Amino acid sequence: MPEGYLLLVLHAHLPFVRHPEDPHFLEERWLFEAITETYIPLLTRLEHLVRDGVRTRLTMTWSPPLCEMLVDPLLQSRYRLHVARLLELAEQEVYAKAHGPFAEAARMYRDHLRYCLTVMERFHGNILTWVCQLRDAGVLEPITCGATHGFLPLMLTSEAQRAQIAVAVANYRKHFGAEPKGIWLPECGYTPGVEHLLKQYGIRYFFVDTHGIYYGTPRPRYGVYAPVYTDSGVAAYARDPESSRSVWSAESGYPGDALYREFYRDLGYDGHYDYVRNFLHPDGVRRNLGLKYHAVTGKVQLHEKAPYLPTPAFARAMDHGGDFVRKRIEQSRHLSDLLGRAPLIVSPYDAELFGHWWYEGPQFIESIFRSAQASGHALLPVSGAEHLNEFPINQVITPSASSWGDAGYNGVWLNPANDWIYRHLHAAEERMVQMARRHPKAEGWQKRALNQMARELLLAQSSDWAFIMTTGTTVPYAIRRTRDHVNRFTGLFDQVASGHLHEDSIREIEWRDSVFQEIDYRVYA
């Protein structure tokens, strides 16, 4: 028997950003950066582990908006163009920095960008094919999320909550050819009763933050170190705070090591303007290009950062992966004495932390699995479904309302910076339910209008917009997206309610917001 079990969870999600009307839409780069710096490196590391016969179990969310963008031909084409353009710059950089301290980093960027184009060629632009291959190899358990990452606790109607789950399950089925076993509740936002919706759609387990179980009823016998069942029979896993601190902590977390790449220095700002101008957005404003040549160094000013050296940085990530496993084994031994059983340590993180924010993060993930195997399986990696299969008997608890946002509840998504959105979202929920029930057998243009109403409501509900309004990043875009989707929804509602459908208007909105082609508006009925 192992000393303990490790359930490592990565949550991969981005809001649906697709603007066919603009060939250089800035926010589409969120996806392009995540593919280049996070998804391709992580999947590559998993492939290496399969090749080397290392026991690997990674549970990973692939949210419906992210899946829809990854398979979209327009975005695939734009991604290739984006990488090809960066590669042109990276090849120039290899020559420009050949005899200085940044030479190794310049070669690394060039080689990685070439590899990204090779991957896109290998999988015909669709890396979800790769995800399915790794799933079939038994190393990756993909799970789903809310349809548009809508924050369930702040929805007015159960129909709107149900639609987020139903549309997500149908979308998962479309992309993965199977039913999802688990779900990442958006923002880990749990409110009692949601588990019955999950049961209705065949979900076996979900995740909550630590206090969701600690404050549950009755008190958890094993704390957060074993799954619990809700009264619906759906299991809940809770985050282990100790392993989270080792990565998330700004003071003691691994990503703050002096050798790692510094995120906040970038060629887009450091390079001579005439040199980088042609590689910036057409508006000419300096922004990050992804070519970063400095290390974290320590608590010094940005202009004092030391040159970044990839080889020792990636070696340090291997060391940190080994340290993570050693500490989890020590933690497991301590907990097993207290609990009388081998504990399960649940370690969930945003996937984009690994590679995008913490450039060496994918190497760290690989090292965790290699180190766990080298320990003689003292720490055994498991997936969510696998652990339930092995330990099917668990305590029944009603978790507490909770989220993994700052302060642990709803304040990130409901505060003076964003509270204005909810009267519009709630009115749209009620109108959507009303129209779905009034027209249970719609056909033709009426059906298309109702389906598009459902898309617009879902897109408006994305928790990303409220989050951005709170954090203060790209706020005008978040406000614009919320208003646009609510306005389009309202226009479609007026058409359906009046019986006067404008085909050109419906067609144009379908072209702009093409997510979830499989959608059926009757999920709101």
Protein backbone atom coordinates (compact mmCIF):
# COMPACT_ATOMS: atom_id res chain seq x y z
CA MET A 1 0.00 0.00 0.00
CA PRO A 2 1.24 3.51 -0.73
CA GLU A 3 1.87 6.03 2.04
CA GLY A 4 -0.60 8.34 0.33
CA TYR A 5 -2.41 9.13 -2.90
CA LEU A 6 -1.99 12.25 -5.04
CA LEU A 7 -4.86 13.65 -7.09
CA LEU A 8 -3.21 16.31 -9.26
CA VAL A 9 -5.78 18.49 -11.03
CA LEU A 10 -5.18 21.17 -13.67
CA HIS A 11 -8.03 23.44 -14.65
CA ALA A 12 -7.67 24.55 -18.29
CA HIS A 13 -10.12 27.28 -19.23
CA LEU A 14 -10.33 30.47 -21.27
CA PRO A 15 -13.41 32.52 -22.15
CA PHE A 16 -14.76 32.16 -25.66
CA VAL A 17 -12.98 34.85 -27.66
CA ARG A 18 -13.50 34.66 -31.41
CA HIS A 19 -13.89 37.75 -33.55
CA PRO A 20 -14.28 36.87 -37.24
CA GLU A 21 -14.89 40.53 -38.02
CA ASP A 22 -11.31 41.52 -37.06
CA PRO A 23 -8.25 39.60 -38.36
CA HIS A 24 -6.01 41.00 -35.59
CA PHE A 25 -8.18 40.89 -32.49
CA LEU A 26 -5.91 41.37 -29.52
CA GLU A 27 -7.71 39.19 -26.95
CA GLU A 28 -7.49 36.13 -29.22
CA ARG A 29 -3.85 36.07 -28.16
CA TRP A 30 -4.94 34.74 -24.78
CA LEU A 31 -5.62 31.45 -26.54
CA PHE A 32 -2.50 31.59 -28.68
CA GLU A 33 -0.25 32.17 -25.67
CA ALA A 34 -1.91 29.35 -23.72
CA ILE A 35 -1.50 26.86 -26.58
CA THR A 36 2.16 27.76 -27.05
CA GLU A 37 3.23 28.07 -23.43
CA THR A 38 0.90 25.73 -21.53
CA TYR A 39 -1.09 23.17 -23.51
CA ILE A 40 1.57 21.99 -25.95
CA PRO A 41 4.32 21.82 -23.27
CA LEU A 42 2.06 19.93 -20.83
CA LEU A 43 0.85 17.43 -23.39
CA THR A 44 4.42 16.93 -24.58
CA ARG A 45 5.54 16.13 -21.03
CA LEU A 46 2.73 13.61 -20.67
CA GLU A 47 3.76 11.98 -23.93
CA HIS A 48 7.33 11.66 -22.62
CA LEU A 49 6.02 9.96 -19.50
CA VAL A 50 4.01 7.49 -21.58
CA ARG A 51 7.08 6.77 -23.70
CA ASP A 52 9.18 6.07 -20.60
CA GLY A 53 6.57 3.90 -18.89
CA VAL A 54 6.14 6.22 -15.90
CA ARG A 55 2.89 5.81 -14.01
CA THR A 56 1.02 9.05 -14.66
CA ARG A 57 -2.45 10.15 -13.67
CA LEU A 58 -3.42 13.74 -14.38
CA THR A 59 -7.00 14.94 -14.04
CA MET A 60 -7.48 17.97 -16.26
CA THR A 61 -10.40 20.22 -17.08
CA TRP A 62 -10.90 21.11 -20.73
CA SER A 63 -13.65 23.69 -20.46
CA PRO A 64 -16.30 23.84 -23.21
CA PRO A 65 -15.29 27.35 -24.42
CA LEU A 66 -11.68 26.24 -24.63
CA CYS A 67 -12.62 23.10 -26.56
CA GLU A 68 -14.75 25.11 -28.96
CA MET A 69 -11.85 27.47 -29.67
CA LEU A 70 -9.29 24.69 -30.06
CA VAL A 71 -11.33 23.00 -32.81
CA ASP A 72 -12.31 26.20 -34.61
CA PRO A 73 -10.71 26.37 -38.10
CA LEU A 74 -10.55 30.16 -38.07
CA LEU A 75 -8.69 30.27 -34.75
CA GLN A 76 -6.45 27.38 -35.78
CA SER A 77 -5.46 29.30 -38.91
CA ARG A 78 -4.86 32.50 -36.94
CA TYR A 79 -2.78 30.58 -34.41
CA ARG A 80 -0.50 29.24 -37.13
CA LEU A 81 -0.04 32.74 -38.53
CA HIS A 82 0.68 34.08 -35.04
CA VAL A 83 3.35 31.45 -34.35
CA ALA A 84 4.90 31.80 -37.81
CA ARG A 85 5.24 35.54 -37.27
CA LEU A 86 6.82 35.05 -33.83
CA LEU A 87 9.15 32.45 -35.30
CA GLU A 88 10.37 35.03 -37.81
CA LEU A 89 11.29 37.28 -34.89
CA ALA A 90 12.81 34.41 -32.90
CA GLU A 91 15.07 33.47 -35.80
CA GLN A 92 16.29 37.06 -35.97
CA GLU A 93 16.89 36.95 -32.24
CA VAL A 94 19.13 33.88 -32.50
CA TYR A 95 21.51 35.85 -34.68
CA ALA A 96 21.15 39.08 -32.72
CA LYS A 97 21.93 37.42 -29.39
CA ALA A 98 24.35 34.72 -30.58
CA HIS A 99 27.37 36.01 -28.65
CA GLY A 100 25.77 37.31 -25.48
CA PRO A 101 24.23 35.99 -22.26
CA PHE A 102 20.80 35.54 -23.89
CA ALA A 103 21.92 33.13 -26.64
CA GLU A 104 20.56 29.95 -25.04
CA ALA A 105 17.15 31.49 -24.39
CA ALA A 106 16.94 32.80 -27.95
CA ARG A 107 17.64 29.34 -29.37
CA MET A 108 15.08 27.83 -26.98
CA TYR A 109 12.32 30.14 -28.22
CA ARG A 110 13.14 29.48 -31.85
CA ASP A 111 13.14 25.71 -31.37
CA HIS A 112 9.92 25.73 -29.38
CA LEU A 113 8.03 27.82 -31.93
CA ARG A 114 9.17 25.47 -34.68
CA TYR A 115 7.93 22.57 -32.57
CA CYS A 116 4.53 24.22 -32.06
CA LEU A 117 4.04 24.43 -35.82
CA THR A 118 5.07 20.78 -36.11
CA VAL A 119 2.48 19.81 -33.49
CA MET A 120 -0.26 21.68 -35.35
CA GLU A 121 0.71 19.87 -38.53
CA ARG A 122 0.79 16.51 -36.76
CA PHE A 123 -2.73 16.90 -35.35
CA HIS A 124 -4.17 18.83 -38.30
CA GLY A 125 -4.63 21.88 -36.10
CA ASN A 126 -6.67 20.14 -33.39
CA ILE A 127 -4.74 19.32 -30.22
CA LEU A 128 -7.84 17.79 -28.64
CA THR A 129 -6.93 14.76 -30.76
CA TRP A 130 -3.75 14.59 -28.69
CA VAL A 131 -5.76 14.87 -25.47
CA CYS A 132 -7.87 11.90 -26.54
CA GLN A 133 -4.76 9.86 -27.34
CA LEU A 134 -3.33 10.52 -23.89
CA ARG A 135 -6.70 9.70 -22.33
CA ASP A 136 -6.72 6.39 -24.17
CA ALA A 137 -3.16 5.76 -22.94
CA GLY A 138 -4.50 6.05 -19.39
CA VAL A 139 -2.41 9.03 -18.25
CA LEU A 140 -4.92 11.86 -18.63
CA GLU A 141 -8.50 12.02 -17.37
CA PRO A 142 -10.22 14.97 -19.08
CA ILE A 143 -13.18 16.39 -17.21
CA THR A 144 -15.67 19.11 -18.06
CA CYS A 145 -16.72 22.43 -16.56
CA GLY A 146 -19.76 24.72 -16.70
CA ALA A 147 -20.75 25.48 -20.29
CA THR A 148 -19.26 28.99 -20.23
CA HIS A 149 -17.71 28.93 -16.76
CA GLY A 150 -20.83 30.59 -15.38
CA PHE A 151 -20.69 31.11 -11.61
CA LEU A 152 -23.53 28.88 -10.43
CA PRO A 153 -24.16 30.37 -6.94
CA LEU A 154 -25.16 33.74 -8.41
CA MET A 155 -27.67 32.41 -10.95
CA LEU A 156 -31.31 33.15 -10.24
CA THR A 157 -32.98 30.02 -11.61
CA SER A 158 -32.29 26.32 -11.36
CA GLU A 159 -32.98 26.13 -15.11
CA ALA A 160 -29.99 28.38 -15.79
CA GLN A 161 -27.77 26.27 -13.53
CA ARG A 162 -29.02 23.11 -15.22
CA ALA A 163 -28.32 24.55 -18.68
CA GLN A 164 -24.69 25.23 -17.74
CA ILE A 165 -24.32 21.55 -16.80
CA ALA A 166 -26.39 20.07 -19.65
CA VAL A 167 -24.67 22.07 -22.39
CA ALA A 168 -21.27 21.23 -20.93
CA VAL A 169 -21.99 17.50 -20.90
CA ALA A 170 -23.29 17.56 -24.48
CA ASN A 171 -20.23 19.52 -25.59
CA TYR A 172 -17.88 17.09 -23.85
CA ARG A 173 -19.64 14.23 -25.62
CA LYS A 174 -19.10 15.99 -28.96
CA HIS A 175 -15.38 16.53 -28.45
CA PHE A 176 -14.38 13.41 -26.52
CA GLY A 177 -16.91 10.81 -27.68
CA ALA A 178 -17.74 9.80 -24.10
CA GLU A 179 -19.55 10.96 -20.98
CA PRO A 180 -17.57 13.08 -18.49
CA LYS A 181 -16.88 11.40 -15.17
CA GLY A 182 -16.02 14.59 -13.33
CA ILE A 183 -16.65 18.31 -13.46
CA TRP A 184 -14.86 21.42 -12.30
CA LEU A 185 -17.58 23.66 -10.95
CA PRO A 186 -16.68 27.12 -12.32
CA GLU A 187 -14.50 28.92 -9.77
CA CYS A 188 -15.21 25.90 -7.49
CA GLY A 189 -18.47 27.75 -6.87
CA TYR A 190 -20.66 25.35 -4.90
CA THR A 191 -24.09 25.99 -3.47
CA PRO A 192 -26.17 23.19 -1.88
CA GLY A 193 -28.45 21.53 -4.42
CA VAL A 194 -26.08 21.70 -7.40
CA GLU A 195 -25.11 18.09 -6.76
CA HIS A 196 -28.60 16.94 -7.83
CA LEU A 197 -28.10 18.56 -11.23
CA LEU A 198 -24.75 16.80 -11.54
CA LYS A 199 -26.38 13.48 -10.69
CA GLN A 200 -29.01 14.08 -13.36
CA TYR A 201 -26.29 14.30 -16.03
CA GLY A 202 -24.20 11.36 -14.88
CA ILE A 203 -21.38 13.28 -13.18
CA ARG A 204 -19.57 11.20 -10.57
CA TYR A 205 -17.47 13.83 -8.79
CA PHE A 206 -16.63 17.53 -8.49
CA PHE A 207 -14.19 19.76 -6.61
CA VAL A 208 -14.61 22.30 -3.81
CA ASP A 209 -12.20 24.43 -1.85
CA THR A 210 -10.96 23.33 1.54
CA HIS A 211 -13.59 25.10 3.64
CA GLY A 212 -16.37 23.62 1.51
CA ILE A 213 -15.74 20.31 3.27
CA TYR A 214 -14.42 21.55 6.63
CA TYR A 215 -17.60 23.58 7.14
CA GLY A 216 -19.84 20.84 5.76
CA THR A 217 -22.54 18.98 7.67
CA PRO A 218 -21.78 16.72 9.48
CA ARG A 219 -18.10 17.35 10.19
CA PRO A 220 -15.80 15.35 7.89
CA ARG A 221 -14.24 12.35 9.59
CA TYR A 222 -11.11 12.49 7.41
CA GLY A 223 -11.00 16.23 6.77
CA VAL A 224 -10.13 16.97 3.16
CA TYR A 225 -8.01 13.84 2.82
CA ALA A 226 -10.72 11.56 1.51
CA PRO A 227 -13.61 12.17 -0.86
CA VAL A 228 -17.10 12.60 0.54
CA TYR A 229 -20.45 11.78 -1.00
CA THR A 230 -23.26 14.26 -1.19
CA ASP A 231 -26.77 12.99 -0.58
CA SER A 232 -27.20 12.65 -4.35
CA GLY A 233 -24.38 10.10 -4.47
CA VAL A 234 -22.04 12.46 -6.33
CA ALA A 235 -18.62 12.73 -4.68
CA ALA A 236 -16.79 15.91 -3.72
CA TYR A 237 -13.03 16.32 -3.51
CA ALA A 238 -11.54 19.22 -1.53
CA ARG A 239 -8.29 21.09 -2.01
CA ASP A 240 -5.35 20.31 0.27
CA PRO A 241 -4.06 23.67 1.57
CA GLU A 242 -0.50 22.54 2.28
CA SER A 243 0.35 21.40 -1.26
CA SER A 244 -1.41 24.47 -2.65
CA ARG A 245 0.82 26.81 -0.65
CA SER A 246 3.97 25.23 -2.06
CA VAL A 247 3.00 26.47 -5.51
CA TRP A 248 0.69 29.45 -4.95
CA SER A 249 2.50 31.23 -2.13
CA ALA A 250 4.14 34.48 -3.26
CA GLU A 251 6.70 34.13 -0.46
CA SER A 252 7.57 30.44 -0.31
CA GLY A 253 6.13 29.02 -3.54
CA TYR A 254 8.40 27.30 -6.04
CA PRO A 255 7.70 29.74 -8.94
CA GLY A 256 9.46 32.54 -7.07
CA ASP A 257 12.86 30.83 -7.33
CA ALA A 258 15.62 33.16 -8.54
CA LEU A 259 16.57 30.92 -11.50
CA TYR A 260 13.13 30.86 -13.09
CA ARG A 261 12.09 33.06 -15.96
CA GLU A 262 10.80 36.53 -15.06
CA PHE A 263 7.32 37.04 -16.53
CA TYR A 264 7.30 40.83 -16.41
CA ARG A 265 10.27 41.53 -18.67
CA ASP A 266 9.58 40.99 -22.33
CA LEU A 267 11.16 41.84 -25.67
CA GLY A 268 7.99 43.70 -26.60
CA TYR A 269 9.03 46.37 -24.10
CA ASP A 270 12.80 45.85 -23.97
CA GLY A 271 13.51 45.76 -27.71
CA HIS A 272 14.21 48.86 -29.76
CA TYR A 273 10.84 50.03 -31.05
CA ASP A 274 11.84 50.00 -34.73
CA TYR A 275 13.08 46.43 -34.26
CA VAL A 276 9.91 45.03 -32.67
CA ARG A 277 7.33 47.30 -34.35
CA ASN A 278 6.45 44.87 -37.14
CA PHE A 279 5.75 42.10 -34.64
CA LEU A 280 3.39 44.05 -32.41
CA HIS A 281 -0.36 44.37 -32.85
CA PRO A 282 -1.22 46.67 -35.81
CA ASP A 283 -2.07 49.45 -33.34
CA GLY A 284 1.66 49.68 -32.62
CA VAL A 285 1.33 49.66 -28.83
CA ARG A 286 4.13 47.85 -26.99
CA ARG A 287 2.90 44.60 -25.44
CA ASN A 288 4.32 41.25 -24.41
CA LEU A 289 5.57 39.11 -27.30
CA GLY A 290 6.45 36.06 -25.20
CA LEU A 291 10.23 36.31 -25.69
CA LYS A 292 11.57 36.95 -22.21
CA TYR A 293 15.28 37.00 -21.43
CA HIS A 294 15.55 37.68 -17.71
CA ALA A 295 15.33 35.58 -14.56
CA VAL A 296 13.35 36.23 -11.38
CA THR A 297 16.73 36.97 -9.73
CA GLY A 298 15.23 38.13 -6.43
CA LYS A 299 13.65 41.19 -4.94
CA VAL A 300 15.29 43.68 -7.29
CA GLN A 301 13.96 46.21 -9.76
CA LEU A 302 13.00 44.92 -13.21
CA HIS A 303 15.96 46.65 -14.83
CA GLU A 304 18.29 44.80 -12.43
CA LYS A 305 17.12 41.31 -13.38
CA ALA A 306 19.86 38.83 -14.35
CA PRO A 307 19.95 37.01 -17.72
CA TYR A 308 17.71 33.95 -17.91
CA LEU A 309 19.51 30.63 -18.39
CA PRO A 310 17.10 27.84 -19.40
CA THR A 311 19.26 24.81 -18.54
CA PRO A 312 19.70 25.48 -14.80
CA ALA A 313 16.14 26.78 -14.58
CA PHE A 314 14.65 23.55 -15.93
CA ALA A 315 16.99 21.52 -13.72
CA ARG A 316 15.67 23.47 -10.75
CA ALA A 317 12.10 22.58 -11.80
CA MET A 318 13.08 18.91 -11.71
CA ASP A 319 14.47 19.42 -8.20
CA HIS A 320 11.31 21.19 -7.11
CA GLY A 321 9.16 18.35 -8.47
CA GLY A 322 11.18 15.93 -6.36
CA ASP A 323 10.87 18.18 -3.33
CA PHE A 324 7.09 18.38 -3.83
CA VAL A 325 6.84 14.59 -3.80
CA ARG A 326 9.10 14.22 -0.73
CA LYS A 327 6.99 16.69 1.20
CA ARG A 328 3.76 14.97 0.15
CA ILE A 329 5.17 11.64 1.37
CA GLU A 330 6.10 13.21 4.72
CA GLN A 331 2.67 14.79 4.89
CA SER A 332 1.03 11.45 4.08
CA ARG A 333 2.93 9.64 6.82
CA HIS A 334 1.88 12.24 9.37
CA LEU A 335 -1.75 12.16 8.23
CA SER A 336 -2.00 8.38 8.07
CA ASP A 337 -1.04 8.20 11.74
CA LEU A 338 -3.88 10.60 12.54
CA LEU A 339 -6.49 9.16 10.16
CA GLY A 340 -5.72 5.46 10.32
CA ARG A 341 -5.69 5.23 6.52
CA ALA A 342 -3.61 6.43 3.58
CA PRO A 343 -4.69 10.00 2.83
CA LEU A 344 -5.64 11.43 -0.53
CA ILE A 345 -3.93 14.75 -1.25
CA VAL A 346 -5.90 16.82 -3.76
CA SER A 347 -3.74 19.43 -5.49
CA PRO A 348 -5.70 21.60 -7.96
CA TYR A 349 -4.23 24.50 -9.94
CA ASP A 350 -5.03 26.66 -12.92
CA ALA A 351 -3.40 24.93 -15.88
CA GLU A 352 -2.21 28.25 -17.32
CA LEU A 353 0.01 28.76 -14.27
CA PHE A 354 2.27 26.05 -15.70
CA GLY A 355 4.14 27.38 -18.71
CA HIS A 356 2.47 30.75 -19.18
CA TRP A 357 3.08 32.33 -15.76
CA TRP A 358 5.63 29.80 -14.50
CA TYR A 359 7.54 28.94 -17.63
CA GLU A 360 9.23 25.86 -16.17
CA GLY A 361 5.96 24.59 -14.68
CA PRO A 362 5.37 21.77 -17.22
CA GLN A 363 8.82 20.39 -16.31
CA PHE A 364 7.76 20.53 -12.66
CA ILE A 365 4.61 18.50 -13.46
CA GLU A 366 6.66 15.88 -15.30
CA SER A 367 9.09 15.68 -12.41
CA ILE A 368 6.28 15.02 -9.93
CA PHE A 369 5.32 11.81 -11.73
CA ARG A 370 8.91 10.69 -12.24
CA SER A 371 9.73 11.36 -8.59
CA ALA A 372 6.60 9.55 -7.41
CA GLN A 373 7.65 6.48 -9.40
CA ALA A 374 11.22 6.72 -8.07
CA SER A 375 9.79 6.71 -4.54
CA GLY A 376 8.60 3.16 -5.08
CA HIS A 377 5.03 4.45 -5.26
CA ALA A 378 5.13 5.65 -1.68
CA LEU A 379 3.02 8.43 -3.21
CA LEU A 380 0.66 6.99 -5.79
CA PRO A 381 -0.85 9.30 -8.43
CA VAL A 382 -4.54 8.64 -9.11
CA SER A 383 -7.31 10.21 -11.16
CA GLY A 384 -10.63 11.27 -9.70
CA ALA A 385 -12.63 8.34 -11.06
CA GLU A 386 -9.87 5.84 -10.29
CA HIS A 387 -9.76 6.75 -6.61
CA LEU A 388 -13.55 6.43 -6.30
CA ASN A 389 -13.39 3.01 -7.91
CA GLU A 390 -10.77 1.88 -5.40
CA PHE A 391 -12.46 3.48 -2.37
CA PRO A 392 -16.21 3.37 -3.09
CA ILE A 393 -17.32 3.72 0.55
CA ASN A 394 -17.14 7.26 1.91
CA GLN A 395 -18.84 9.55 4.40
CA VAL A 396 -21.97 11.44 3.32
CA ILE A 397 -21.74 15.21 3.82
CA THR A 398 -23.52 18.32 2.62
CA PRO A 399 -20.66 20.68 1.70
CA SER A 400 -20.78 24.32 2.65
CA ALA A 401 -21.42 27.06 0.10
CA SER A 402 -17.97 28.11 -1.06
CA SER A 403 -15.64 29.04 -3.91
CA TRP A 404 -11.88 29.18 -4.42
CA GLY A 405 -11.97 32.92 -5.04
CA ASP A 406 -10.39 35.47 -2.73
CA ALA A 407 -11.97 35.14 0.76
CA GLY A 408 -13.60 31.88 -0.29
CA TYR A 409 -17.15 32.90 -1.22
CA ASN A 410 -18.86 35.08 -3.87
CA GLY A 411 -17.21 38.46 -3.38
CA VAL A 412 -14.95 38.29 -6.43
CA TRP A 413 -17.99 37.94 -8.71
CA LEU A 414 -20.38 40.20 -6.79
CA ASN A 415 -19.05 43.55 -5.66
CA PRO A 416 -19.45 47.24 -6.57
CA ALA A 417 -17.24 46.81 -9.63
CA ASN A 418 -19.54 44.27 -11.29
CA ASP A 419 -22.86 44.04 -9.44
CA TRP A 420 -24.69 45.90 -12.22
CA ILE A 421 -24.53 42.88 -14.51
CA TYR A 422 -26.81 40.63 -12.47
CA ARG A 423 -30.12 42.40 -12.94
CA HIS A 424 -29.58 41.95 -16.68
CA LEU A 425 -28.43 38.34 -16.42
CA HIS A 426 -31.31 37.40 -14.14
CA ALA A 427 -33.89 39.03 -16.41
CA ALA A 428 -32.39 37.16 -19.35
CA GLU A 429 -32.58 33.86 -17.43
CA GLU A 430 -36.29 34.34 -16.78
CA ARG A 431 -36.97 35.36 -20.37
CA MET A 432 -35.05 32.36 -21.71
CA VAL A 433 -37.07 29.95 -19.55
CA GLN A 434 -40.29 31.70 -20.59
CA MET A 435 -39.56 31.40 -24.33
CA ALA A 436 -38.30 27.81 -24.09
CA ARG A 437 -41.53 26.75 -22.39
CA ARG A 438 -43.71 28.78 -24.73
CA HIS A 439 -42.13 27.22 -27.85
CA PRO A 440 -41.35 23.58 -27.03
CA LYS A 441 -41.38 22.45 -30.68
CA ALA A 442 -39.87 25.38 -32.56
CA GLU A 443 -38.64 24.79 -36.09
CA GLY A 444 -36.82 26.75 -38.78
CA TRP A 445 -35.84 30.35 -38.06
CA GLN A 446 -37.72 30.37 -34.77
CA LYS A 447 -35.62 27.46 -33.54
CA ARG A 448 -32.44 29.14 -34.75
CA ALA A 449 -33.37 32.32 -32.90
CA LEU A 450 -34.11 30.41 -29.68
CA ASN A 451 -30.84 28.46 -29.93
CA GLN A 452 -28.96 31.71 -30.44
CA MET A 453 -30.71 33.24 -27.43
CA ALA A 454 -29.37 30.34 -25.40
CA ARG A 455 -25.84 30.93 -26.74
CA GLU A 456 -25.98 34.64 -25.95
CA LEU A 457 -27.19 34.04 -22.40
CA LEU A 458 -24.50 31.46 -21.76
CA LEU A 459 -21.78 33.73 -23.14
CA ALA A 460 -23.02 36.67 -21.04
CA GLN A 461 -22.88 34.46 -17.92
CA SER A 462 -19.16 33.73 -18.26
CA SER A 463 -17.60 34.37 -14.85
CA ASP A 464 -14.51 35.69 -16.62
CA TRP A 465 -16.19 39.03 -17.31
CA ALA A 466 -17.11 39.67 -13.66
CA PHE A 467 -13.64 38.52 -12.60
CA ILE A 468 -11.93 40.92 -15.00
CA MET A 469 -14.08 43.79 -13.75
CA THR A 470 -12.93 43.00 -10.20
CA THR A 471 -9.22 42.62 -10.97
CA GLY A 472 -9.08 45.64 -13.26
CA THR A 473 -7.48 43.98 -16.30
CA THR A 474 -8.99 44.66 -19.77
CA VAL A 475 -12.13 45.98 -18.06
CA PRO A 476 -13.52 47.74 -21.18
CA TYR A 477 -13.45 44.45 -23.07
CA ALA A 478 -15.25 42.58 -20.25
CA ILE A 479 -17.93 45.28 -20.08
CA ARG A 480 -18.30 45.27 -23.84
CA ARG A 481 -18.71 41.49 -23.98
CA THR A 482 -21.34 41.50 -21.23
CA ARG A 483 -23.32 44.30 -22.86
CA ASP A 484 -23.02 42.86 -26.37
CA HIS A 485 -24.34 39.44 -25.36
CA VAL A 486 -27.16 40.86 -23.27
CA ASN A 487 -28.14 43.23 -26.10
CA ARG A 488 -28.09 40.48 -28.69
CA PHE A 489 -30.12 38.24 -26.39
CA THR A 490 -32.68 41.01 -25.84
CA GLY A 491 -32.98 41.71 -29.56
CA LEU A 492 -33.58 38.04 -30.29
CA PHE A 493 -36.08 37.81 -27.42
CA ASP A 494 -38.05 40.72 -28.89
CA GLN A 495 -38.13 39.01 -32.27
CA VAL A 496 -39.32 35.67 -30.89
CA ALA A 497 -41.86 37.27 -28.54
CA SER A 498 -43.34 39.40 -31.32
CA GLY A 499 -43.22 36.68 -33.96
CA HIS A 500 -41.38 39.02 -36.36
CA LEU A 501 -38.09 37.27 -37.12
CA HIS A 502 -35.34 39.10 -39.00
CA GLU A 503 -33.38 36.41 -40.80
CA ASP A 504 -30.41 38.61 -41.70
CA SER A 505 -30.07 39.70 -38.07
CA ILE A 506 -30.22 36.12 -36.77
CA ARG A 507 -27.71 34.96 -39.37
CA GLU A 508 -25.27 37.76 -38.49
CA ILE A 509 -25.41 36.98 -34.76
CA GLU A 510 -24.90 33.28 -35.47
CA TRP A 511 -21.78 34.20 -37.47
CA ARG A 512 -20.39 36.31 -34.63
CA ASP A 513 -21.15 33.93 -31.77
CA SER A 514 -20.83 30.47 -33.24
CA VAL A 515 -20.17 28.52 -30.04
CA PHE A 516 -22.04 25.25 -29.28
CA GLN A 517 -23.46 24.32 -32.67
CA GLU A 518 -25.03 21.28 -31.00
CA ILE A 519 -27.07 23.37 -28.54
CA ASP A 520 -30.76 22.72 -27.90
CA TYR A 521 -32.59 25.69 -26.33
CA ARG A 522 -35.02 23.27 -24.63
CA VAL A 523 -32.46 22.69 -21.85
CA TYR A 524 -34.09 25.79 -20.36
CA ALA A 525 -37.64 24.42 -20.53
